[in-house]
């Protein structure tokens, strides 16, 4: 047993550097979310629902908006590395915090490996569009970007942020060009004729489809995990979290609309079982050459790279936060002497992602969805727990109607968990047990973490200058305007075919 006299200090000299602004908080979050879900399992639902997929996508957004507000409150008040781990630890207890952080890590390790495999497929598609087959295995090709982003993430958050902005802007730029090139290929009948599977859909089946679409939104709180590295988090985190679910909705809805439109109405059902629905949909429509290469480049070097960059950057912050407090082996809390990044955590989790590239993307969906829903239930409950246990906590932003919003959100997320397969639930329970065993071993070795006075230690609020605040307000207003326009366009697209 550990000596209680060597109890872990609440805050060691292992503080991360604040280099991100709201823009990076948004692109890190959205980049982590928009990727493997949108272009695989989320797109497969189009084959079952047709144009009615917009209803499932809208519901997935709605059930993400309020939890995002809760995370905005917690992130602004507790700008720690670790996000949900820290919130649950302080609001519900240390074991709950470990389970939340442990499942977040599991989710993004799986997403990283799946995203790397998606990159491998679309990178090959880039050449297949011109009849060239690359003689490289998917696993080997998937390993290249993982290794690349391990290196860039170790070299510092400033580089990570710049890369993330570049990948997202590239993705959106290519996406707009691809949308324009696809307009002449749109088949209006595809929107008004629903797939045969919809005629036999049950309410429980619909909930299952919403759950798979919601997986495309999972990660909307990603920026909270890097709260210790975001400038003026009391302002930037709530703003990023208000924007993110709507951005994800607009991108998903628009891409789904184009997928429905380019696939002939009599072939749309085949999308439900396609491994790469967008690429296979274009092949069904006979669209090859430059348009397919453009799509593949946008997904591989924009969508996939942005997700890989953030999914390799964020989980180590959870492991770092847990190790810093003695809930995990303390060597995971070591910072690089030059770059001040948690390099050991980045390396270890990156290697685990490399190992998992031998599994297919379906494995990612099964493992990741359980972990996502599980840690969100804990995170949502933590918001209420913090209000009860720590009413003295300085909250620059407060989510409204918390007494109603929290239980309703928990019920919705638990309901979605009922639609998971037995394999996902069993593997998730085993993963949770492993995390708790490691936690209790560490507690025995290091002793209990000392209690802290939150307002003395947790929130060391930085106040922007008037000029900085004005610039931040202007940036937020611009982003908000663009997001509103994008959502209106996304919804309007689904009504256009019914006018003809």
Protein backbone atom coordinates (compact mmCIF):
# COMPACT_ATOMS: atom_id res chain seq x y z
CA UNK A 1 0.00 0.00 0.00
CA UNK A 2 1.18 3.57 -0.68
CA UNK A 3 2.27 5.93 2.04
CA UNK A 4 -0.41 8.56 2.63
CA UNK A 5 2.35 11.06 3.33
CA UNK A 6 3.21 10.90 -0.37
CA UNK A 7 -0.28 11.76 -1.56
CA UNK A 8 -0.47 13.25 -5.02
CA UNK A 9 -0.48 17.02 -5.08
CA UNK A 10 -3.55 18.58 -6.69
CA UNK A 11 -1.51 20.61 -9.16
CA UNK A 12 2.05 19.68 -10.00
CA UNK A 13 4.50 21.70 -12.05
CA UNK A 14 3.18 20.15 -15.24
CA UNK A 15 1.03 22.91 -16.67
CA UNK A 16 0.28 23.00 -20.39
CA UNK A 17 0.63 26.15 -22.50
CA UNK A 18 -2.38 28.19 -23.66
CA UNK A 19 -1.99 28.69 -27.41
CA UNK A 20 -5.44 27.97 -28.95
CA UNK A 21 -8.21 30.49 -29.60
CA UNK A 22 -11.90 29.95 -30.41
CA UNK A 23 -11.09 29.17 -34.04
CA UNK A 24 -8.79 26.31 -33.04
CA UNK A 25 -11.30 25.12 -30.41
CA UNK A 26 -13.93 24.85 -33.18
CA UNK A 27 -11.68 23.24 -35.79
CA UNK A 28 -10.18 20.76 -33.30
CA UNK A 29 -13.71 19.75 -32.27
CA UNK A 30 -15.35 19.69 -35.69
CA UNK A 31 -12.29 18.10 -37.25
CA UNK A 32 -12.47 15.29 -34.73
CA UNK A 33 -16.18 14.76 -35.39
CA UNK A 34 -16.37 15.05 -39.18
CA UNK A 35 -14.71 11.99 -40.59
CA UNK A 36 -15.15 8.25 -40.27
CA UNK A 37 -18.79 8.46 -39.10
CA UNK A 38 -19.98 10.78 -41.85
CA UNK A 39 -18.26 8.84 -44.64
CA UNK A 40 -19.02 5.30 -43.42
CA UNK A 41 -21.76 4.26 -40.97
CA UNK A 42 -23.57 7.61 -41.07
CA UNK A 43 -23.70 7.50 -44.85
CA UNK A 44 -24.90 3.88 -44.81
CA UNK A 45 -28.09 5.04 -43.09
CA UNK A 46 -28.87 6.95 -46.30
CA UNK A 47 -29.32 3.57 -48.00
CA UNK A 48 -32.04 2.69 -45.49
CA UNK A 49 -33.75 6.06 -45.00
CA UNK A 50 -33.23 7.93 -48.26
CA UNK A 51 -34.11 11.62 -47.98
CA UNK A 52 -35.86 11.01 -44.64
CA UNK A 53 -32.34 10.78 -43.18
CA UNK A 54 -32.58 14.54 -42.62
CA UNK A 55 -35.07 13.85 -39.80
CA UNK A 56 -32.63 11.49 -38.04
CA UNK A 57 -29.77 13.96 -38.57
CA UNK A 58 -31.83 16.84 -37.18
CA UNK A 59 -32.79 14.79 -34.11
CA UNK A 60 -29.13 13.82 -33.61
CA UNK A 61 -28.25 17.52 -33.62
CA UNK A 62 -31.04 18.43 -31.20
CA UNK A 63 -29.97 15.83 -28.65
CA UNK A 64 -26.39 17.14 -28.91
CA UNK A 65 -27.15 20.84 -28.41
CA UNK A 66 -28.09 20.78 -24.72
CA UNK A 67 -25.22 18.51 -23.60
CA UNK A 68 -22.90 20.85 -25.52
CA UNK A 69 -24.22 23.72 -23.37
CA UNK A 70 -23.51 21.68 -20.23
CA UNK A 71 -19.96 21.14 -21.43
CA UNK A 72 -19.70 24.85 -22.17
CA UNK A 73 -20.53 25.56 -18.54
CA UNK A 74 -18.10 22.98 -17.19
CA UNK A 75 -15.33 23.85 -19.63
CA UNK A 76 -15.47 27.56 -18.84
CA UNK A 77 -15.38 26.92 -15.09
CA UNK A 78 -12.85 24.06 -15.15
CA UNK A 79 -10.39 24.70 -18.00
CA UNK A 80 -8.32 21.60 -17.29
CA UNK A 81 -6.70 19.10 -19.60
CA UNK A 82 -8.92 16.04 -19.38
CA UNK A 83 -12.41 17.46 -19.85
CA UNK A 84 -15.03 14.92 -18.78
CA UNK A 85 -12.55 13.12 -16.53
CA UNK A 86 -12.10 16.24 -14.41
CA UNK A 87 -15.78 17.20 -14.42
CA UNK A 88 -16.94 13.73 -13.37
CA UNK A 89 -14.20 13.41 -10.76
CA UNK A 90 -15.26 16.63 -9.05
CA UNK A 91 -19.00 16.25 -9.60
CA UNK A 92 -19.55 12.51 -9.10
CA UNK A 93 -16.41 11.08 -7.53
CA UNK A 94 -13.01 9.82 -8.63
CA UNK A 95 -14.06 6.37 -9.94
CA UNK A 96 -16.71 8.01 -12.15
CA UNK A 97 -14.07 10.39 -13.47
CA UNK A 98 -11.76 7.52 -14.34
CA UNK A 99 -14.56 5.66 -16.14
CA UNK A 100 -15.40 8.78 -18.14
CA UNK A 101 -11.81 9.49 -19.15
CA UNK A 102 -11.06 5.83 -19.79
CA UNK A 103 -14.01 5.47 -22.18
CA UNK A 104 -13.18 8.72 -23.95
CA UNK A 105 -9.70 7.34 -24.58
CA UNK A 106 -11.13 4.04 -25.85
CA UNK A 107 -13.46 5.83 -28.24
CA UNK A 108 -10.78 7.97 -29.85
CA UNK A 109 -8.16 5.22 -30.05
CA UNK A 110 -10.70 3.24 -32.06
CA UNK A 111 -11.66 6.27 -34.15
CA UNK A 112 -8.00 6.98 -34.89
CA UNK A 113 -7.38 3.49 -36.25
CA UNK A 114 -10.64 3.51 -38.20
CA UNK A 115 -9.97 6.96 -39.60
CA UNK A 116 -6.50 5.88 -40.70
CA UNK A 117 -8.03 2.91 -42.53
CA UNK A 118 -10.56 5.26 -44.14
CA UNK A 119 -7.64 7.44 -45.26
CA UNK A 120 -5.98 4.37 -46.78
CA UNK A 121 -9.12 3.51 -48.73
CA UNK A 122 -9.73 7.03 -50.05
CA UNK A 123 -6.05 7.56 -50.82
CA UNK A 124 -6.23 4.45 -53.00
CA UNK A 125 -9.50 5.71 -54.47
CA UNK A 126 -7.64 8.84 -55.57
CA UNK A 127 -5.62 6.62 -57.91
CA UNK A 128 -8.45 4.21 -58.74
CA UNK A 129 -10.33 7.15 -60.22
CA UNK A 130 -7.77 7.00 -63.03
CA UNK A 131 -7.53 3.21 -63.22
CA UNK A 132 -4.38 2.83 -61.05
CA UNK A 133 -4.27 0.25 -58.25
CA UNK A 134 -1.67 0.93 -55.55
CA UNK A 135 0.18 -2.25 -54.46
CA UNK A 136 0.22 -1.22 -50.77
CA UNK A 137 -1.73 -2.87 -47.95
CA UNK A 138 -4.38 -0.81 -46.19
CA UNK A 139 -2.74 -1.43 -42.81
CA UNK A 140 0.66 -0.15 -43.96
CA UNK A 141 -0.84 2.89 -45.65
CA UNK A 142 -2.97 3.63 -42.57
CA UNK A 143 0.13 3.59 -40.36
CA UNK A 144 1.79 6.48 -42.21
CA UNK A 145 -0.55 9.32 -41.11
CA UNK A 146 -0.72 7.97 -37.54
CA UNK A 147 3.08 8.15 -37.25
CA UNK A 148 3.09 11.58 -38.91
CA UNK A 149 0.57 13.02 -36.44
CA UNK A 150 2.26 11.45 -33.44
CA UNK A 151 5.36 13.44 -34.41
CA UNK A 152 3.53 16.73 -35.06
CA UNK A 153 1.54 16.48 -31.83
CA UNK A 154 4.67 15.89 -29.79
CA UNK A 155 6.23 18.98 -31.37
CA UNK A 156 3.61 21.26 -29.86
CA UNK A 157 0.04 22.52 -29.76
CA UNK A 158 0.77 25.54 -31.92
CA UNK A 159 1.70 23.25 -34.80
CA UNK A 160 -1.32 21.05 -34.05
CA UNK A 161 -3.61 24.07 -34.22
CA UNK A 162 -2.16 25.39 -37.47
CA UNK A 163 -2.44 21.97 -39.10
CA UNK A 164 -6.02 21.57 -37.88
CA UNK A 165 -7.07 24.91 -39.34
CA UNK A 166 -5.40 24.03 -42.63
CA UNK A 167 -7.01 20.60 -42.89
CA UNK A 168 -10.49 21.92 -42.13
CA UNK A 169 -10.23 24.83 -44.55
CA UNK A 170 -8.93 22.44 -47.23
CA UNK A 171 -11.81 20.04 -46.55
CA UNK A 172 -14.45 22.76 -46.77
CA UNK A 173 -12.84 24.29 -49.87
CA UNK A 174 -12.69 20.97 -51.72
CA UNK A 175 -16.20 20.09 -50.51
CA UNK A 176 -17.66 23.27 -52.03
CA UNK A 177 -15.94 22.57 -55.38
CA UNK A 178 -17.16 18.96 -55.29
CA UNK A 179 -20.71 20.08 -54.49
CA UNK A 180 -20.68 22.39 -57.53
CA UNK A 181 -19.38 19.65 -59.83
CA UNK A 182 -22.08 17.23 -58.59
CA UNK A 183 -25.07 19.52 -59.20
CA UNK A 184 -25.48 18.40 -62.86
CA UNK A 185 -25.54 14.78 -61.67
CA UNK A 186 -28.39 15.21 -59.18
CA UNK A 187 -31.41 12.91 -59.73
CA UNK A 188 -34.51 14.58 -58.31
CA UNK A 189 -36.58 11.33 -58.15
CA UNK A 190 -34.10 9.95 -55.62
CA UNK A 191 -35.39 12.43 -53.03
CA UNK A 192 -39.09 11.65 -53.34
CA UNK A 193 -38.84 7.84 -53.54
CA UNK A 194 -37.85 6.30 -50.21
CA UNK A 195 -35.96 2.97 -50.01
CA UNK A 196 -38.11 -0.12 -49.50
CA UNK A 197 -36.62 -0.67 -46.03
CA UNK A 198 -38.42 2.43 -44.71
CA UNK A 199 -41.82 0.81 -45.22
CA UNK A 200 -41.01 -1.81 -42.58
CA UNK A 201 -39.10 0.43 -40.17
CA UNK A 202 -40.15 0.21 -36.51
CA UNK A 203 -39.86 2.88 -33.81
CA UNK A 204 -36.98 0.94 -32.21
CA UNK A 205 -35.32 0.63 -35.60
CA UNK A 206 -35.62 4.37 -36.06
CA UNK A 207 -33.97 4.95 -32.68
CA UNK A 208 -31.14 2.68 -33.78
CA UNK A 209 -30.67 4.70 -36.97
CA UNK A 210 -30.67 7.96 -35.00
CA UNK A 211 -28.00 6.45 -32.74
CA UNK A 212 -25.77 5.67 -35.72
CA UNK A 213 -26.28 9.17 -37.13
CA UNK A 214 -25.56 10.59 -33.66
CA UNK A 215 -22.18 8.85 -33.79
CA UNK A 216 -21.38 11.43 -36.47
CA UNK A 217 -21.89 14.09 -33.75
CA UNK A 218 -20.01 12.31 -30.95
CA UNK A 219 -17.02 14.38 -29.90
CA UNK A 220 -18.80 17.75 -29.90
CA UNK A 221 -17.07 18.49 -26.57
CA UNK A 222 -13.56 17.61 -27.79
CA UNK A 223 -12.16 21.10 -27.17
CA UNK A 224 -12.87 20.69 -23.43
CA UNK A 225 -10.15 18.04 -23.26
CA UNK A 226 -7.68 20.73 -24.29
CA UNK A 227 -9.13 23.39 -21.98
CA UNK A 228 -5.76 23.95 -20.37
CA UNK A 229 -4.33 24.98 -23.74
CA UNK A 230 -7.10 27.36 -24.86
CA UNK A 231 -6.74 31.09 -24.32
CA UNK A 232 -9.53 32.81 -22.39
CA UNK A 233 -11.41 29.51 -21.95
CA UNK A 234 -14.20 31.22 -19.99
CA UNK A 235 -15.17 32.91 -23.28
CA UNK A 236 -13.86 30.67 -26.06
CA UNK A 237 -15.04 27.27 -24.82
CA UNK A 238 -18.77 28.09 -24.45
CA UNK A 239 -18.71 29.80 -27.83
CA UNK A 240 -17.03 26.87 -29.57
CA UNK A 241 -19.50 24.45 -27.99
CA UNK A 242 -22.49 26.53 -29.05
CA UNK A 243 -21.31 26.47 -32.67
CA UNK A 244 -20.03 22.90 -33.05
CA UNK A 245 -23.28 20.84 -33.13
CA UNK A 246 -24.76 23.13 -35.79
CA UNK A 247 -21.62 22.99 -37.92
CA UNK A 248 -21.64 19.19 -37.75
CA UNK A 249 -25.34 19.13 -38.66
CA UNK A 250 -24.86 21.35 -41.72
CA UNK A 251 -21.91 19.34 -43.03
CA UNK A 252 -23.63 15.97 -42.50
CA UNK A 253 -26.96 17.10 -43.97
CA UNK A 254 -25.39 18.60 -47.09
CA UNK A 255 -23.15 15.61 -47.78
CA UNK A 256 -26.11 13.25 -47.25
CA UNK A 257 -28.19 15.30 -49.69
CA UNK A 258 -25.58 14.99 -52.42
CA UNK A 259 -25.13 11.27 -51.78
CA UNK A 260 -28.88 10.72 -52.18
CA UNK A 261 -28.96 12.82 -55.34
CA UNK A 262 -26.08 11.25 -57.26
CA UNK A 263 -27.09 7.61 -56.66
CA UNK A 264 -29.86 6.34 -58.99
CA UNK A 265 -33.12 5.84 -57.08
CA UNK A 266 -33.20 2.09 -57.85
CA UNK A 267 -29.70 1.60 -56.40
CA UNK A 268 -29.89 3.71 -53.23
CA UNK A 269 -30.58 0.64 -51.04
CA UNK A 270 -27.13 -0.75 -51.91
CA UNK A 271 -25.54 2.14 -50.00
CA UNK A 272 -26.72 0.55 -46.73
CA UNK A 273 -24.06 -2.18 -47.02
CA UNK A 274 -21.31 -0.19 -48.77
CA UNK A 275 -17.95 0.04 -46.98
CA UNK A 276 -17.30 3.44 -48.55
CA UNK A 277 -20.74 4.81 -49.47
CA UNK A 278 -19.60 8.00 -51.20
CA UNK A 279 -17.00 6.36 -53.43
CA UNK A 280 -19.27 3.41 -54.25
CA UNK A 281 -22.21 5.76 -54.82
CA UNK A 282 -20.21 7.66 -57.42
CA UNK A 283 -19.25 4.39 -59.09
CA UNK A 284 -22.94 3.37 -59.24
CA UNK A 285 -23.65 6.66 -60.97
CA UNK A 286 -20.70 6.20 -63.35
CA UNK A 287 -18.92 9.31 -62.03
CA UNK A 288 -15.17 8.66 -62.18
CA UNK A 289 -12.05 10.62 -63.11
CA UNK A 290 -11.55 14.12 -61.72
CA UNK A 291 -14.80 14.29 -59.67
CA UNK A 292 -13.99 11.06 -57.81
CA UNK A 293 -10.38 12.11 -57.33
CA UNK A 294 -11.57 15.43 -55.93
CA UNK A 295 -13.85 13.66 -53.45
CA UNK A 296 -11.09 11.25 -52.41
CA UNK A 297 -8.58 14.08 -51.93
CA UNK A 298 -11.01 16.12 -49.84
CA UNK A 299 -11.90 13.18 -47.59
CA UNK A 300 -8.34 11.81 -47.27
CA UNK A 301 -6.38 15.04 -46.80
CA UNK A 302 -9.15 17.15 -45.27
CA UNK A 303 -11.72 15.08 -43.39
CA UNK A 304 -9.49 12.13 -42.45
CA UNK A 305 -6.41 14.22 -41.66
CA UNK A 306 -8.36 16.68 -39.51
CA UNK A 307 -9.88 13.82 -37.50
CA UNK A 308 -6.55 12.02 -37.15
CA UNK A 309 -4.80 15.19 -36.02
CA UNK A 310 -7.32 15.89 -33.26
CA UNK A 311 -7.99 12.27 -32.27
CA UNK A 312 -4.27 11.76 -31.67
CA UNK A 313 -3.97 15.13 -29.87
CA UNK A 314 -6.91 14.90 -27.48
CA UNK A 315 -6.91 11.46 -25.71
CA UNK A 316 -3.36 11.95 -24.35
CA UNK A 317 -4.66 15.03 -22.48
CA UNK A 318 -7.09 12.77 -20.63
CA UNK A 319 -4.38 10.25 -19.81
CA UNK A 320 -2.04 13.10 -18.85
CA UNK A 321 -4.65 14.60 -16.50
CA UNK A 322 -5.37 11.25 -14.84
CA UNK A 323 -1.66 10.47 -14.44
CA UNK A 324 -0.88 13.93 -13.07
CA UNK A 325 -3.27 13.21 -10.21
CA UNK A 326 -2.17 9.62 -9.65
CA UNK A 327 -5.25 7.92 -11.12
CA UNK A 328 -3.04 6.35 -13.79
CA UNK A 329 0.72 5.55 -13.78
CA UNK A 330 2.50 8.86 -13.21
CA UNK A 331 4.98 8.54 -16.08
CA UNK A 332 2.08 9.40 -18.43
CA UNK A 333 2.16 12.92 -16.93
CA UNK A 334 5.69 13.68 -18.11
CA UNK A 335 5.98 16.66 -20.45
CA UNK A 336 8.48 16.96 -23.26
CA UNK A 337 11.35 19.16 -21.99
CA UNK A 338 11.26 21.35 -25.10
CA UNK A 339 7.72 21.26 -26.49
CA UNK A 340 5.82 20.96 -23.19
CA UNK A 341 3.48 18.30 -24.57
CA UNK A 342 2.52 14.98 -22.87
CA UNK A 343 4.76 13.03 -25.23
CA UNK A 344 4.68 9.66 -23.46
CA UNK A 345 0.87 9.64 -23.47
CA UNK A 346 0.87 10.64 -27.14
CA UNK A 347 3.32 7.86 -28.02
CA UNK A 348 1.57 5.09 -26.08
CA UNK A 349 -1.94 5.86 -27.33
CA UNK A 350 -0.61 6.36 -30.85
CA UNK A 351 0.96 2.90 -30.77
CA UNK A 352 -2.35 1.39 -29.60
CA UNK A 353 -4.06 3.03 -32.57
CA UNK A 354 -1.42 1.53 -34.87
CA UNK A 355 -2.15 -1.93 -33.47
CA UNK A 356 -5.90 -1.52 -33.99
CA UNK A 357 -5.51 -0.78 -37.71
CA UNK A 358 -5.71 -4.53 -38.28
CA UNK A 359 -9.44 -4.31 -37.44
CA UNK A 360 -12.06 -3.02 -39.88
CA UNK A 361 -14.18 0.12 -39.53
CA UNK A 362 -17.23 -1.83 -38.33
CA UNK A 363 -15.26 -2.73 -35.22
CA UNK A 364 -14.65 0.98 -34.67
CA UNK A 365 -18.36 1.77 -34.75
CA UNK A 366 -19.24 -1.00 -32.25
CA UNK A 367 -16.53 -0.12 -29.72
CA UNK A 368 -16.62 3.63 -30.13
CA UNK A 369 -20.38 4.11 -29.89
CA UNK A 370 -20.63 2.30 -26.54
CA UNK A 371 -17.70 4.31 -25.14
CA UNK A 372 -19.15 7.59 -26.47
CA UNK A 373 -22.60 7.08 -24.99
CA UNK A 374 -21.19 5.82 -21.70
CA UNK A 375 -18.91 8.77 -21.05
CA UNK A 376 -21.54 11.28 -22.18
CA UNK A 377 -24.01 9.90 -19.64
CA UNK A 378 -21.33 10.39 -16.98
CA UNK A 379 -20.43 13.86 -18.28
CA UNK A 380 -24.06 15.02 -18.37
CA UNK A 381 -24.64 13.77 -14.84
CA UNK A 382 -21.42 15.50 -13.74
CA UNK A 383 -22.87 18.90 -14.67
CA UNK A 384 -25.67 18.39 -12.14
CA UNK A 385 -23.23 16.92 -9.62
CA UNK A 386 -21.01 20.00 -9.85
CA UNK A 387 -23.98 22.32 -9.28
CA UNK A 388 -24.88 20.36 -6.13
CA UNK A 389 -21.41 19.64 -4.71
CA UNK A 390 -19.68 22.86 -5.72
CA UNK A 391 -22.16 25.74 -5.80
CA UNK A 392 -19.21 28.04 -4.97
CA UNK A 393 -17.56 27.32 -8.33
CA UNK A 394 -17.17 30.40 -10.50
CA UNK A 395 -19.24 29.75 -13.62
CA UNK A 396 -18.67 32.35 -16.37
CA UNK A 397 -21.38 30.57 -18.41
CA UNK A 398 -24.40 28.67 -17.02
CA UNK A 399 -26.50 26.21 -19.00
CA UNK A 400 -30.26 26.90 -18.63
CA UNK A 401 -32.93 24.54 -17.23
CA UNK A 402 -30.39 22.08 -15.82
CA UNK A 403 -32.89 20.28 -13.53
CA UNK A 404 -34.90 19.21 -16.56
CA UNK A 405 -32.20 19.11 -19.24
CA UNK A 406 -29.85 16.73 -17.41
CA UNK A 407 -32.30 13.86 -16.67
CA UNK A 408 -33.94 14.12 -20.10
CA UNK A 409 -30.55 14.01 -21.85
CA UNK A 410 -29.43 11.01 -19.76
CA UNK A 411 -32.63 9.09 -20.60
CA UNK A 412 -32.17 9.80 -24.32
CA UNK A 413 -28.55 8.62 -24.33
CA UNK A 414 -29.36 5.47 -22.32
CA UNK A 415 -32.17 4.75 -24.76
CA UNK A 416 -29.69 4.86 -27.65
CA UNK A 417 -27.41 2.46 -25.76
CA UNK A 418 -30.16 -0.16 -25.82
CA UNK A 419 -29.72 -0.40 -29.59
CA UNK A 420 -26.09 -1.56 -29.37
CA UNK A 421 -25.10 -5.15 -30.06
CA UNK A 422 -24.08 -7.61 -27.36
CA UNK A 423 -20.44 -7.54 -28.51
CA UNK A 424 -20.19 -3.78 -28.06
CA UNK A 425 -21.69 -3.91 -24.56
CA UNK A 426 -19.56 -6.84 -23.36
CA UNK A 427 -16.30 -5.39 -24.71
CA UNK A 428 -17.21 -2.02 -23.19
CA UNK A 429 -17.80 -3.54 -19.76
CA UNK A 430 -14.46 -5.37 -19.91
CA UNK A 431 -12.67 -2.13 -20.86
CA UNK A 432 -14.31 -0.34 -17.90
CA UNK A 433 -13.20 -3.11 -15.53
CA UNK A 434 -9.60 -2.82 -16.73
CA UNK A 435 -9.65 0.94 -16.18
CA UNK A 436 -10.97 0.61 -12.64
CA UNK A 437 -8.38 -2.07 -11.76
CA UNK A 438 -5.53 0.20 -12.92
CA UNK A 439 -7.05 3.11 -11.02
CA UNK A 440 -7.25 1.24 -7.70
CA UNK A 441 -3.71 -0.07 -8.12
CA UNK A 442 -2.49 3.50 -8.65
CA UNK A 443 -4.47 4.75 -5.67
CA UNK A 444 -2.84 2.09 -3.49
CA UNK A 445 0.60 3.08 -4.77
CA UNK A 446 0.34 6.87 -4.78
CA UNK A 447 -2.27 7.56 -2.12
CA UNK A 448 -5.31 9.82 -2.43
CA UNK A 449 -5.16 13.17 -4.18
CA UNK A 450 -5.49 16.08 -1.79
CA UNK A 451 -8.69 18.10 -1.93
CA UNK A 452 -8.46 21.54 -3.50
CA UNK A 453 -10.34 24.80 -3.14
CA UNK A 454 -11.69 25.19 -6.63
CA UNK A 455 -11.80 28.95 -6.87
CA UNK A 456 -8.24 29.20 -5.56
CA UNK A 457 -6.67 26.74 -7.95
CA UNK A 458 -8.94 25.55 -10.76
CA UNK A 459 -9.96 28.77 -12.47
CA UNK A 460 -7.20 31.29 -12.87
CA UNK A 461 -9.18 33.52 -15.12
CA UNK A 462 -7.39 35.61 -17.69
CA UNK A 463 -9.15 38.75 -18.87
CA UNK A 464 -8.64 39.83 -22.49
CA UNK A 465 -7.84 43.44 -23.23
CA UNK A 466 -10.66 45.57 -24.72
CA UNK A 467 -9.06 45.27 -28.15
CA UNK A 468 -8.74 41.49 -27.84
CA UNK A 469 -12.33 41.16 -26.61
CA UNK A 470 -13.60 43.24 -29.53
CA UNK A 471 -11.70 41.04 -32.00
CA UNK A 472 -13.01 37.89 -30.30
CA UNK A 473 -16.60 39.15 -30.44
CA UNK A 474 -16.22 40.01 -34.13
CA UNK A 475 -14.82 36.56 -34.90
CA UNK A 476 -17.65 34.83 -33.01
CA UNK A 477 -20.30 36.91 -34.78
CA UNK A 478 -18.80 36.04 -38.17
CA UNK A 479 -18.69 32.33 -37.36
CA UNK A 480 -22.25 32.44 -36.04
CA UNK A 481 -23.54 34.11 -39.21
CA UNK A 482 -21.82 31.58 -41.45
CA UNK A 483 -23.16 28.65 -39.40
CA UNK A 484 -26.75 29.97 -39.49
CA UNK A 485 -26.57 30.38 -43.27
CA UNK A 486 -25.11 26.88 -43.68
CA UNK A 487 -27.90 25.29 -41.59
CA UNK A 488 -30.61 27.14 -43.53
CA UNK A 489 -29.10 25.99 -46.83
CA UNK A 490 -28.87 22.41 -45.56
CA UNK A 491 -32.55 22.31 -44.59
CA UNK A 492 -33.69 24.11 -47.73
CA UNK A 493 -31.96 21.58 -49.99
CA UNK A 494 -34.29 18.82 -48.83
CA UNK A 495 -37.35 20.86 -49.77
CA UNK A 496 -36.19 21.83 -53.28
CA UNK A 497 -36.91 18.45 -54.97
CA UNK A 498 -40.56 18.62 -53.91
CA UNK A 499 -40.98 21.85 -55.86
CA UNK A 500 -40.42 20.07 -59.18
